[in-house]
Protein backbone atom coordinates (compact mmCIF):
# COMPACT_ATOMS: atom_id res chain seq x y z
CA MET A 1 -6.27 73.23 -31.58
CA LEU A 2 -3.32 75.94 -31.81
CA GLU A 3 -1.10 75.46 -28.91
CA THR A 4 1.04 78.34 -27.94
CA THR A 5 3.35 79.03 -25.15
CA THR A 6 5.61 82.18 -23.86
CA ALA A 7 9.27 81.77 -23.39
CA PRO A 8 11.11 84.00 -21.09
CA GLU A 9 13.33 86.81 -22.12
CA GLY A 10 16.27 85.53 -23.48
CA GLU A 11 14.96 82.11 -24.22
CA ILE A 12 13.66 82.84 -28.14
CA GLY A 13 15.15 80.15 -30.11
CA HIS A 14 16.47 77.59 -27.27
CA ASN A 15 14.60 74.93 -28.08
CA THR A 16 11.28 76.40 -26.32
CA GLY A 17 7.79 75.46 -26.67
CA PRO A 18 5.72 72.36 -27.58
CA SER A 19 8.42 70.78 -29.75
CA ALA A 20 10.58 70.67 -27.27
CA PRO A 21 11.91 67.53 -25.92
CA ASP A 22 10.68 67.12 -22.62
CA GLN A 23 13.74 67.91 -20.06
CA THR A 24 13.20 64.99 -18.15
CA VAL A 25 14.18 63.05 -20.94
CA ARG A 26 17.35 65.12 -21.83
CA ASP A 27 17.81 64.88 -18.30
CA ALA A 28 17.77 61.38 -18.53
CA PHE A 29 20.12 61.20 -21.55
CA GLU A 30 22.71 63.19 -19.83
CA ALA A 31 22.97 61.19 -16.74
CA ILE A 32 23.56 58.05 -18.92
CA TRP A 33 26.03 59.55 -21.02
CA ARG A 34 27.81 60.38 -18.04
CA ILE A 35 26.99 57.18 -15.83
CA ALA A 36 29.00 55.83 -19.48
CA GLY A 37 31.93 57.51 -19.02
CA LEU A 38 31.60 59.73 -21.64
CA PRO A 39 33.40 63.12 -21.78
CA PRO A 40 30.95 65.60 -20.37
CA ALA A 41 32.23 68.66 -22.60
CA ASP A 42 31.00 66.65 -25.22
CA LEU A 43 27.32 67.44 -23.70
CA SER A 44 28.12 71.35 -24.63
CA ARG A 45 25.01 72.73 -26.84
CA ASN A 46 24.78 75.16 -29.59
CA PRO A 47 22.56 77.91 -29.26
CA ASP A 48 19.94 76.03 -30.84
CA GLY A 49 19.93 73.18 -28.55
CA THR A 50 21.53 70.54 -30.77
CA TYR A 51 25.12 69.36 -29.01
CA ARG A 52 28.64 70.12 -30.74
CA ALA A 53 29.70 66.85 -30.67
CA SER A 54 28.41 64.85 -33.83
CA TYR A 55 28.32 61.57 -31.92
CA ALA A 56 26.46 62.94 -29.21
CA MET A 57 23.93 64.59 -31.62
CA HIS A 58 23.26 61.27 -33.19
CA ALA A 59 22.88 59.57 -29.61
CA TRP A 60 20.46 62.43 -28.75
CA ASP A 61 18.55 61.69 -31.72
CA MET A 62 18.59 57.87 -31.04
CA TYR A 63 17.75 58.18 -27.49
CA ALA A 64 15.07 61.09 -28.05
CA ALA A 65 13.33 58.47 -30.17
CA THR A 66 13.39 55.47 -28.36
CA ARG A 67 13.91 56.25 -24.81
CA ASP A 68 16.93 53.18 -25.17
CA TRP A 69 19.88 53.80 -22.56
CA ARG A 70 22.04 51.71 -25.58
CA ALA A 71 21.65 54.57 -27.58
CA VAL A 72 24.28 56.14 -25.44
CA LEU A 73 26.88 53.14 -25.77
CA THR A 74 26.16 52.95 -29.49
CA ALA A 75 27.58 56.50 -29.41
CA ALA A 76 30.43 55.50 -27.26
CA LYS A 77 31.15 52.98 -29.72
CA GLU A 78 31.22 55.32 -32.57
CA ARG A 79 33.41 57.58 -30.84
CA GLY A 80 36.08 54.93 -30.96
């Protein structure tokens, strides 16, 4: 079955639609990031929804795939 969605004006290309990660997963990731004491500025995103900081993007990829909070701590170690 073909699934379609509509995005409000101005949100086209901002990671919307059925392939977009669940917002609650992203919210959980960002909460863990802050609790871990990592810089909130590293959570800034590009227009396509990817994180600008490479280690934040790496942590997000791992967390989104596994839902494992330790991915965030691994990112902190990679940051140095």
